[in-house]
């Protein structure tokens, strides 16, 4: 979104900025000018703002995740396949990932509007930077760690217990999903936001678990759409909605009242 993602995703920064509302409605002749001023009054987020948290988040969170996933792949004896990097069923994974990811983008934006309606409007360059980060770095690394490593290890550990072996897959998925959601509390996420991210994590884990060849590609794609929708594109969507509501309000007030 627009600062440290561990506080952004929690809804902290969105809630610290209320919707920009002018003090009084203008006459019809000034509507266009006032709409332009409204757009200018919205807090903007720039590449400098995003870079201020992005590099720290990459080194402090994503790098350890990536190293852990690489270590698991190395010592599992299966190599990249152990964490879902199979290269098989590519067409299927792309269809599933994009087919579910696009609707997930809309769901994430709608959830953001309900959960954290404040926003900072990214510049075009900042929007591109954030989107690249969420799709190309955050989603792949998180999935390789949480689903490719943690979920697999959980299933293997539970499978070694006779009492849990019959339901090891389901239990491992549920345990990983719960830990994935709880982990976001470390970033001071709101509980409502945690509920949403836990549900999303359950979907990512289920996609991985149900993949015929246990490929991680589809979960990565859906994860990317979900995170970008909640943390980046949600800001742009909220701004568009705010402008539409303002314009509609201006039109209603400018119409002559019936006597």
C-alpha atoms as a PDB file:
ATOM      1  CA  UNK A   1       0.000   0.000   0.000  1.00  0.00           C
ATOM      2  CA  UNK A   2       1.822   3.107   1.090  1.00  0.00           C
ATOM      3  CA  UNK A   3       4.185   2.345   3.964  1.00  0.00           C
ATOM      4  CA  UNK A   4       5.341  -0.680   5.942  1.00  0.00           C
ATOM      5  CA  UNK A   5       3.055  -3.470   4.691  1.00  0.00           C
ATOM      6  CA  UNK A   6       2.884  -5.091   8.088  1.00  0.00           C
ATOM      7  CA  UNK A   7       1.001  -2.026   9.329  1.00  0.00           C
ATOM      8  CA  UNK A   8      -0.654  -1.267   6.012  1.00  0.00           C
ATOM      9  CA  UNK A   9      -2.234  -4.696   5.729  1.00  0.00           C
ATOM     10  CA  UNK A  10      -3.441  -4.352   9.278  1.00  0.00           C
ATOM     11  CA  UNK A  11      -5.558  -1.432   8.220  1.00  0.00           C
ATOM     12  CA  UNK A  12      -3.578   0.981  10.400  1.00  0.00           C
ATOM     13  CA  UNK A  13      -2.466   3.426   7.752  1.00  0.00           C
ATOM     14  CA  UNK A  14      -5.758   3.361   5.801  1.00  0.00           C
ATOM     15  CA  UNK A  15      -7.629   4.245   8.972  1.00  0.00           C
ATOM     16  CA  UNK A  16      -5.303   7.114   9.715  1.00  0.00           C
ATOM     17  CA  UNK A  17      -6.534   8.988   6.628  1.00  0.00           C
ATOM     18  CA  UNK A  18     -10.195   9.799   6.324  1.00  0.00           C
ATOM     19  CA  UNK A  19     -12.029  10.434   3.080  1.00  0.00           C
ATOM     20  CA  UNK A  20     -11.381  13.924   1.778  1.00  0.00           C
ATOM     21  CA  UNK A  21     -14.615  15.897   2.070  1.00  0.00           C
ATOM     22  CA  UNK A  22     -14.815  19.569   1.096  1.00  0.00           C
ATOM     23  CA  UNK A  23     -16.471  21.807   3.652  1.00  0.00           C
ATOM     24  CA  UNK A  24     -19.259  23.051   1.380  1.00  0.00           C
ATOM     25  CA  UNK A  25     -20.840  22.100  -1.907  1.00  0.00           C
ATOM     26  CA  UNK A  26     -20.046  24.446  -4.804  1.00  0.00           C
ATOM     27  CA  UNK A  27     -22.483  25.904  -7.313  1.00  0.00           C
ATOM     28  CA  UNK A  28     -22.831  23.954 -10.584  1.00  0.00           C
ATOM     29  CA  UNK A  29     -20.485  26.294 -12.441  1.00  0.00           C
ATOM     30  CA  UNK A  30     -17.644  25.342 -10.088  1.00  0.00           C
ATOM     31  CA  UNK A  31     -18.212  21.588  -9.975  1.00  0.00           C
ATOM     32  CA  UNK A  32     -15.396  20.631 -12.348  1.00  0.00           C
ATOM     33  CA  UNK A  33     -12.903  22.852 -10.561  1.00  0.00           C
ATOM     34  CA  UNK A  34     -13.945  21.586  -7.158  1.00  0.00           C
ATOM     35  CA  UNK A  35     -13.653  17.954  -8.276  1.00  0.00           C
ATOM     36  CA  UNK A  36     -10.121  18.673  -9.442  1.00  0.00           C
ATOM     37  CA  UNK A  37      -9.321  20.283  -6.097  1.00  0.00           C
ATOM     38  CA  UNK A  38     -10.760  17.276  -4.301  1.00  0.00           C
ATOM     39  CA  UNK A  39      -8.409  15.002  -6.218  1.00  0.00           C
ATOM     40  CA  UNK A  40      -5.484  17.224  -5.290  1.00  0.00           C
ATOM     41  CA  UNK A  41      -6.405  17.112  -1.579  1.00  0.00           C
ATOM     42  CA  UNK A  42      -6.082  13.341  -1.384  1.00  0.00           C
ATOM     43  CA  UNK A  43      -2.864  12.210   0.336  1.00  0.00           C
ATOM     44  CA  UNK A  44      -0.528  10.819  -2.326  1.00  0.00           C
ATOM     45  CA  UNK A  45       1.893   7.957  -2.000  1.00  0.00           C
ATOM     46  CA  UNK A  46       5.118   8.043  -3.983  1.00  0.00           C
ATOM     47  CA  UNK A  47       7.913   5.685  -4.924  1.00  0.00           C
ATOM     48  CA  UNK A  48      10.015   7.235  -2.160  1.00  0.00           C
ATOM     49  CA  UNK A  49       7.322   6.393   0.412  1.00  0.00           C
ATOM     50  CA  UNK A  50       7.048   2.803  -0.760  1.00  0.00           C
ATOM     51  CA  UNK A  51      10.796   2.288  -1.033  1.00  0.00           C
ATOM     52  CA  UNK A  52      11.109   3.396   2.585  1.00  0.00           C
ATOM     53  CA  UNK A  53       9.453   0.158   3.754  1.00  0.00           C
ATOM     54  CA  UNK A  54       9.950  -2.123   0.740  1.00  0.00           C
ATOM     55  CA  UNK A  55      13.676  -2.680   1.067  1.00  0.00           C
ATOM     56  CA  UNK A  56      13.424  -3.328   4.792  1.00  0.00           C
ATOM     57  CA  UNK A  57      10.535  -5.739   4.323  1.00  0.00           C
ATOM     58  CA  UNK A  58      12.427  -7.566   1.592  1.00  0.00           C
ATOM     59  CA  UNK A  59      15.570  -8.047   3.671  1.00  0.00           C
ATOM     60  CA  UNK A  60      13.913  -8.542   7.047  1.00  0.00           C
ATOM     61  CA  UNK A  61      10.988 -10.790   6.101  1.00  0.00           C
ATOM     62  CA  UNK A  62      11.094 -12.140   2.567  1.00  0.00           C
ATOM     63  CA  UNK A  63      14.801 -13.013   2.490  1.00  0.00           C
ATOM     64  CA  UNK A  64      14.572 -15.271   5.579  1.00  0.00           C
ATOM     65  CA  UNK A  65      11.441 -16.879   4.118  1.00  0.00           C
ATOM     66  CA  UNK A  66      13.251 -17.544   0.833  1.00  0.00           C
ATOM     67  CA  UNK A  67      16.291 -18.986   2.589  1.00  0.00           C
ATOM     68  CA  UNK A  68      14.106 -21.287   4.694  1.00  0.00           C
ATOM     69  CA  UNK A  69      12.274 -22.547   1.607  1.00  0.00           C
ATOM     70  CA  UNK A  70      15.571 -23.098  -0.222  1.00  0.00           C
ATOM     71  CA  UNK A  71      16.985 -25.019   2.753  1.00  0.00           C
ATOM     72  CA  UNK A  72      13.905 -27.246   2.887  1.00  0.00           C
ATOM     73  CA  UNK A  73      14.121 -27.937  -0.842  1.00  0.00           C
ATOM     74  CA  UNK A  74      17.818 -28.756  -0.514  1.00  0.00           C
ATOM     75  CA  UNK A  75      17.596 -31.098   2.448  1.00  0.00           C
ATOM     76  CA  UNK A  76      14.333 -32.765   1.441  1.00  0.00           C
ATOM     77  CA  UNK A  77      16.137 -34.639  -1.305  1.00  0.00           C
ATOM     78  CA  UNK A  78      13.527 -33.572  -3.864  1.00  0.00           C
ATOM     79  CA  UNK A  79      14.981 -30.228  -4.832  1.00  0.00           C
ATOM     80  CA  UNK A  80      12.678 -27.478  -6.150  1.00  0.00           C
ATOM     81  CA  UNK A  81       9.832 -29.979  -6.581  1.00  0.00           C
ATOM     82  CA  UNK A  82       9.605 -30.218  -2.783  1.00  0.00           C
ATOM     83  CA  UNK A  83       8.332 -26.637  -2.580  1.00  0.00           C
ATOM     84  CA  UNK A  84       6.045 -26.793  -5.596  1.00  0.00           C
ATOM     85  CA  UNK A  85       8.383 -25.667  -8.372  1.00  0.00           C
ATOM     86  CA  UNK A  86       7.527 -28.430 -10.822  1.00  0.00           C
ATOM     87  CA  UNK A  87       7.097 -26.735 -14.202  1.00  0.00           C
ATOM     88  CA  UNK A  88       4.377 -29.283 -14.973  1.00  0.00           C
ATOM     89  CA  UNK A  89       0.727 -28.567 -15.747  1.00  0.00           C
ATOM     90  CA  UNK A  90       1.743 -25.010 -16.596  1.00  0.00           C
ATOM     91  CA  UNK A  91      -1.320 -24.336 -18.740  1.00  0.00           C
ATOM     92  CA  UNK A  92      -3.683 -25.666 -16.077  1.00  0.00           C
ATOM     93  CA  UNK A  93      -2.003 -23.637 -13.345  1.00  0.00           C
ATOM     94  CA  UNK A  94      -2.184 -20.442 -15.384  1.00  0.00           C
ATOM     95  CA  UNK A  95      -5.869 -20.961 -16.124  1.00  0.00           C
ATOM     96  CA  UNK A  96      -6.682 -21.735 -12.483  1.00  0.00           C
ATOM     97  CA  UNK A  97      -4.472 -18.988 -11.107  1.00  0.00           C
ATOM     98  CA  UNK A  98      -5.752 -16.242 -13.373  1.00  0.00           C
ATOM     99  CA  UNK A  99      -9.322 -17.569 -13.411  1.00  0.00           C
ATOM    100  CA  UNK A 100      -9.498 -17.391  -9.613  1.00  0.00           C
ATOM    101  CA  UNK A 101      -7.083 -14.497  -9.231  1.00  0.00           C
ATOM    102  CA  UNK A 102      -9.084 -11.917 -11.166  1.00  0.00           C
ATOM    103  CA  UNK A 103     -12.274 -12.424  -9.096  1.00  0.00           C
ATOM    104  CA  UNK A 104     -10.064 -12.515  -5.991  1.00  0.00           C
ATOM    105  CA  UNK A 105      -8.768  -9.075  -6.945  1.00  0.00           C
ATOM    106  CA  UNK A 106     -12.343  -7.759  -6.855  1.00  0.00           C
ATOM    107  CA  UNK A 107     -13.077  -9.509  -3.569  1.00  0.00           C
ATOM    108  CA  UNK A 108      -9.911  -8.079  -2.014  1.00  0.00           C
ATOM    109  CA  UNK A 109     -10.786  -4.548  -3.133  1.00  0.00           C
ATOM    110  CA  UNK A 110     -14.329  -4.908  -1.771  1.00  0.00           C
ATOM    111  CA  UNK A 111     -12.992  -6.265   1.530  1.00  0.00           C
ATOM    112  CA  UNK A 112     -10.538  -3.392   1.736  1.00  0.00           C
ATOM    113  CA  UNK A 113     -13.350  -0.859   1.201  1.00  0.00           C
ATOM    114  CA  UNK A 114     -15.289  -2.454   4.065  1.00  0.00           C
ATOM    115  CA  UNK A 115     -12.373  -3.083   6.396  1.00  0.00           C
ATOM    116  CA  UNK A 116     -10.195   0.005   5.865  1.00  0.00           C
ATOM    117  CA  UNK A 117     -11.976   2.697   3.825  1.00  0.00           C
ATOM    118  CA  UNK A 118      -9.294   5.373   4.248  1.00  0.00           C
ATOM    119  CA  UNK A 119      -6.633   5.537   1.570  1.00  0.00           C
ATOM    120  CA  UNK A 120      -3.550   7.186   0.138  1.00  0.00           C
ATOM    121  CA  UNK A 121      -3.566   7.457  -3.652  1.00  0.00           C
ATOM    122  CA  UNK A 122      -0.405   6.037  -5.244  1.00  0.00           C
ATOM    123  CA  UNK A 123       1.226   7.864  -8.108  1.00  0.00           C
ATOM    124  CA  UNK A 124       1.414   5.942 -11.386  1.00  0.00           C
ATOM    125  CA  UNK A 125       5.057   5.036 -10.774  1.00  0.00           C
ATOM    126  CA  UNK A 126       4.325   3.991  -7.197  1.00  0.00           C
ATOM    127  CA  UNK A 127       1.389   1.850  -8.328  1.00  0.00           C
ATOM    128  CA  UNK A 128       3.711   0.060 -10.758  1.00  0.00           C
ATOM    129  CA  UNK A 129       6.357  -0.466  -8.057  1.00  0.00           C
ATOM    130  CA  UNK A 130       3.880  -1.811  -5.516  1.00  0.00           C
ATOM    131  CA  UNK A 131       2.227  -4.121  -8.045  1.00  0.00           C
ATOM    132  CA  UNK A 132       5.603  -5.485  -9.145  1.00  0.00           C
ATOM    133  CA  UNK A 133       6.555  -6.137  -5.540  1.00  0.00           C
ATOM    134  CA  UNK A 134       3.320  -7.901  -4.619  1.00  0.00           C
ATOM    135  CA  UNK A 135       3.139 -10.036  -7.759  1.00  0.00           C
ATOM    136  CA  UNK A 136       6.795 -10.788  -8.472  1.00  0.00           C
ATOM    137  CA  UNK A 137       8.341 -10.937  -5.011  1.00  0.00           C
ATOM    138  CA  UNK A 138       5.927 -11.021  -2.074  1.00  0.00           C
ATOM    139  CA  UNK A 139       3.469 -13.621  -3.377  1.00  0.00           C
ATOM    140  CA  UNK A 140       6.074 -16.091  -4.718  1.00  0.00           C
ATOM    141  CA  UNK A 141       8.261 -15.973  -1.606  1.00  0.00           C
ATOM    142  CA  UNK A 142       5.349 -16.202   0.834  1.00  0.00           C
ATOM    143  CA  UNK A 143       3.835 -19.163  -1.003  1.00  0.00           C
ATOM    144  CA  UNK A 144       7.134 -20.999  -1.287  1.00  0.00           C
ATOM    145  CA  UNK A 145       7.555 -20.586   2.461  1.00  0.00           C
ATOM    146  CA  UNK A 146       4.035 -21.007   3.862  1.00  0.00           C
ATOM    147  CA  UNK A 147       2.578 -23.570   1.499  1.00  0.00           C
ATOM    148  CA  UNK A 148       5.685 -25.086  -0.093  1.00  0.00           C
ATOM    149  CA  UNK A 149       7.579 -25.429   3.181  1.00  0.00           C
ATOM    150  CA  UNK A 150       5.461 -24.991   6.324  1.00  0.00           C
ATOM    151  CA  UNK A 151       2.367 -26.771   5.030  1.00  0.00           C
ATOM    152  CA  UNK A 152       4.408 -29.656   3.637  1.00  0.00           C
ATOM    153  CA  UNK A 153       6.365 -30.024   6.867  1.00  0.00           C
ATOM    154  CA  UNK A 154       3.142 -29.927   8.880  1.00  0.00           C
ATOM    155  CA  UNK A 155       1.559 -32.649   6.784  1.00  0.00           C
ATOM    156  CA  UNK A 156       4.690 -34.802   7.019  1.00  0.00           C
ATOM    157  CA  UNK A 157       4.907 -34.376  10.794  1.00  0.00           C
ATOM    158  CA  UNK A 158       1.237 -35.202  11.321  1.00  0.00           C
ATOM    159  CA  UNK A 159       1.523 -38.132   8.941  1.00  0.00           C
ATOM    160  CA  UNK A 160       4.133 -39.620  11.240  1.00  0.00           C
ATOM    161  CA  UNK A 161       1.548 -39.771  14.054  1.00  0.00           C
ATOM    162  CA  UNK A 162      -0.685 -42.846  13.734  1.00  0.00           C
ATOM    163  CA  UNK A 163      -3.668 -41.058  15.250  1.00  0.00           C
ATOM    164  CA  UNK A 164      -3.406 -38.119  12.823  1.00  0.00           C
ATOM    165  CA  UNK A 165      -2.210 -39.976   9.718  1.00  0.00           C
ATOM    166  CA  UNK A 166      -5.648 -40.462   8.081  1.00  0.00           C
ATOM    167  CA  UNK A 167      -6.326 -36.728   8.125  1.00  0.00           C
ATOM    168  CA  UNK A 168      -2.740 -35.465   7.915  1.00  0.00           C
ATOM    169  CA  UNK A 169      -3.380 -33.437   4.749  1.00  0.00           C
ATOM    170  CA  UNK A 170      -6.457 -31.689   6.112  1.00  0.00           C
ATOM    171  CA  UNK A 171      -4.926 -31.086   9.528  1.00  0.00           C
ATOM    172  CA  UNK A 172      -1.666 -29.808   8.065  1.00  0.00           C
ATOM    173  CA  UNK A 173      -3.592 -27.414   5.841  1.00  0.00           C
ATOM    174  CA  UNK A 174      -5.714 -26.162   8.765  1.00  0.00           C
ATOM    175  CA  UNK A 175      -2.704 -25.750  11.060  1.00  0.00           C
ATOM    176  CA  UNK A 176      -0.711 -23.841   8.444  1.00  0.00           C
ATOM    177  CA  UNK A 177      -3.691 -21.620   7.646  1.00  0.00           C
ATOM    178  CA  UNK A 178      -4.145 -20.764  11.334  1.00  0.00           C
ATOM    179  CA  UNK A 179      -0.442 -19.986  11.819  1.00  0.00           C
ATOM    180  CA  UNK A 180      -0.390 -17.923   8.629  1.00  0.00           C
ATOM    181  CA  UNK A 181      -3.252 -15.797   9.908  1.00  0.00           C
ATOM    182  CA  UNK A 182      -1.846 -15.454  13.421  1.00  0.00           C
ATOM    183  CA  UNK A 183       1.560 -14.430  12.079  1.00  0.00           C
ATOM    184  CA  UNK A 184       0.036 -11.228  10.726  1.00  0.00           C
ATOM    185  CA  UNK A 185      -0.734 -10.160  14.274  1.00  0.00           C
ATOM    186  CA  UNK A 186       3.013  -9.581  14.639  1.00  0.00           C
ATOM    187  CA  UNK A 187       2.509  -6.615  12.329  1.00  0.00           C
ATOM    188  CA  UNK A 188      -0.323  -5.243  14.512  1.00  0.00           C
ATOM    189  CA  UNK A 189      -3.022  -6.235  12.056  1.00  0.00           C
ATOM    190  CA  UNK A 190      -6.613  -5.631  13.083  1.00  0.00           C
ATOM    191  CA  UNK A 191      -8.511  -8.819  13.943  1.00  0.00           C
ATOM    192  CA  UNK A 192     -10.974  -8.195  11.131  1.00  0.00           C
ATOM    193  CA  UNK A 193      -8.089  -7.956   8.687  1.00  0.00           C
ATOM    194  CA  UNK A 194      -6.582 -11.119  10.161  1.00  0.00           C
ATOM    195  CA  UNK A 195      -9.851 -12.961   9.599  1.00  0.00           C
ATOM    196  CA  UNK A 196      -9.771 -11.930   5.953  1.00  0.00           C
ATOM    197  CA  UNK A 197      -6.152 -12.892   5.394  1.00  0.00           C
ATOM    198  CA  UNK A 198      -6.690 -16.221   7.174  1.00  0.00           C
ATOM    199  CA  UNK A 199      -9.543 -17.048   4.810  1.00  0.00           C
ATOM    200  CA  UNK A 200      -7.358 -16.094   1.859  1.00  0.00           C
ATOM    201  CA  UNK A 201      -4.530 -18.240   3.214  1.00  0.00           C
ATOM    202  CA  UNK A 202      -6.916 -21.165   3.463  1.00  0.00           C
ATOM    203  CA  UNK A 203      -7.709 -20.773  -0.236  1.00  0.00           C
ATOM    204  CA  UNK A 204      -4.018 -20.618  -1.190  1.00  0.00           C
ATOM    205  CA  UNK A 205      -3.278 -23.724   0.848  1.00  0.00           C
ATOM    206  CA  UNK A 206      -6.239 -25.617  -0.594  1.00  0.00           C
ATOM    207  CA  UNK A 207      -5.155 -24.792  -4.147  1.00  0.00           C
ATOM    208  CA  UNK A 208      -1.716 -26.187  -3.401  1.00  0.00           C
ATOM    209  CA  UNK A 209      -3.020 -29.247  -1.601  1.00  0.00           C
ATOM    210  CA  UNK A 210      -5.481 -30.088  -4.380  1.00  0.00           C
ATOM    211  CA  UNK A 211      -3.038 -29.515  -7.234  1.00  0.00           C
ATOM    212  CA  UNK A 212      -2.568 -32.838  -9.075  1.00  0.00           C
ATOM    213  CA  UNK A 213       1.208 -32.415  -9.202  1.00  0.00           C
ATOM    214  CA  UNK A 214       1.459 -30.209  -6.096  1.00  0.00           C
ATOM    215  CA  UNK A 215       2.430 -27.121  -8.078  1.00  0.00           C
ATOM    216  CA  UNK A 216       2.769 -23.773  -6.301  1.00  0.00           C
ATOM    217  CA  UNK A 217       2.082 -21.593  -9.366  1.00  0.00           C
ATOM    218  CA  UNK A 218      -1.700 -21.219  -9.004  1.00  0.00           C
ATOM    219  CA  UNK A 219      -1.485 -20.235  -5.298  1.00  0.00           C
ATOM    220  CA  UNK A 220       1.203 -17.682  -6.168  1.00  0.00           C
ATOM    221  CA  UNK A 221      -0.971 -16.064  -8.836  1.00  0.00           C
ATOM    222  CA  UNK A 222      -4.080 -15.909  -6.646  1.00  0.00           C
ATOM    223  CA  UNK A 223      -2.017 -14.621  -3.722  1.00  0.00           C
ATOM    224  CA  UNK A 224      -0.578 -11.870  -5.913  1.00  0.00           C
ATOM    225  CA  UNK A 225      -4.013 -10.719  -7.048  1.00  0.00           C
ATOM    226  CA  UNK A 226      -5.363 -10.775  -3.489  1.00  0.00           C
ATOM    227  CA  UNK A 227      -2.506  -8.822  -1.938  1.00  0.00           C
ATOM    228  CA  UNK A 228      -2.336  -6.256  -4.727  1.00  0.00           C
ATOM    229  CA  UNK A 229      -6.090  -5.761  -4.502  1.00  0.00           C
ATOM    230  CA  UNK A 230      -6.095  -5.203  -0.763  1.00  0.00           C
ATOM    231  CA  UNK A 231      -2.886  -3.222  -0.402  1.00  0.00           C
ATOM    232  CA  UNK A 232      -2.439  -1.337  -3.657  1.00  0.00           C
ATOM    233  CA  UNK A 233      -5.251  -1.360  -6.187  1.00  0.00           C
ATOM    234  CA  UNK A 234      -7.707  -0.907  -3.350  1.00  0.00           C
ATOM    235  CA  UNK A 235      -6.388   2.630  -2.853  1.00  0.00           C
ATOM    236  CA  UNK A 236      -7.005   3.524  -6.488  1.00  0.00           C
ATOM    237  CA  UNK A 237     -10.450   1.928  -6.445  1.00  0.00           C
ATOM    238  CA  UNK A 238     -11.421   3.781  -3.267  1.00  0.00           C
ATOM    239  CA  UNK A 239     -10.340   7.050  -4.852  1.00  0.00           C
ATOM    240  CA  UNK A 240     -12.518   6.412  -7.908  1.00  0.00           C
ATOM    241  CA  UNK A 241     -15.477   5.583  -5.667  1.00  0.00           C
ATOM    242  CA  UNK A 242     -14.897   8.711  -3.583  1.00  0.00           C
ATOM    243  CA  UNK A 243     -14.895  10.920  -6.687  1.00  0.00           C
ATOM    244  CA  UNK A 244     -18.069   9.279  -8.005  1.00  0.00           C
ATOM    245  CA  UNK A 245     -19.863   9.749  -4.709  1.00  0.00           C
ATOM    246  CA  UNK A 246     -18.757  13.361  -4.539  1.00  0.00           C
ATOM    247  CA  UNK A 247     -19.905  14.087  -8.085  1.00  0.00           C
ATOM    248  CA  UNK A 248     -23.265  12.439  -7.395  1.00  0.00           C
ATOM    249  CA  UNK A 249     -23.631  14.482  -4.225  1.00  0.00           C
ATOM    250  CA  UNK A 250     -22.830  17.686  -6.113  1.00  0.00           C
ATOM    251  CA  UNK A 251     -25.393  16.855  -8.803  1.00  0.00           C
ATOM    252  CA  UNK A 252     -28.105  16.190  -6.233  1.00  0.00           C
ATOM    253  CA  UNK A 253     -27.429  19.410  -4.376  1.00  0.00           C
ATOM    254  CA  UNK A 254     -27.257  21.455  -7.574  1.00  0.00           C
ATOM    255  CA  UNK A 255     -30.664  20.292  -8.804  1.00  0.00           C
ATOM    256  CA  UNK A 256     -33.419  22.832  -8.095  1.00  0.00           C
ATOM    257  CA  UNK A 257     -35.642  21.676  -5.279  1.00  0.00           C
ATOM    258  CA  UNK A 258     -39.266  20.928  -6.082  1.00  0.00           C
ATOM    259  CA  UNK A 259     -41.841  23.139  -4.485  1.00  0.00           C
END
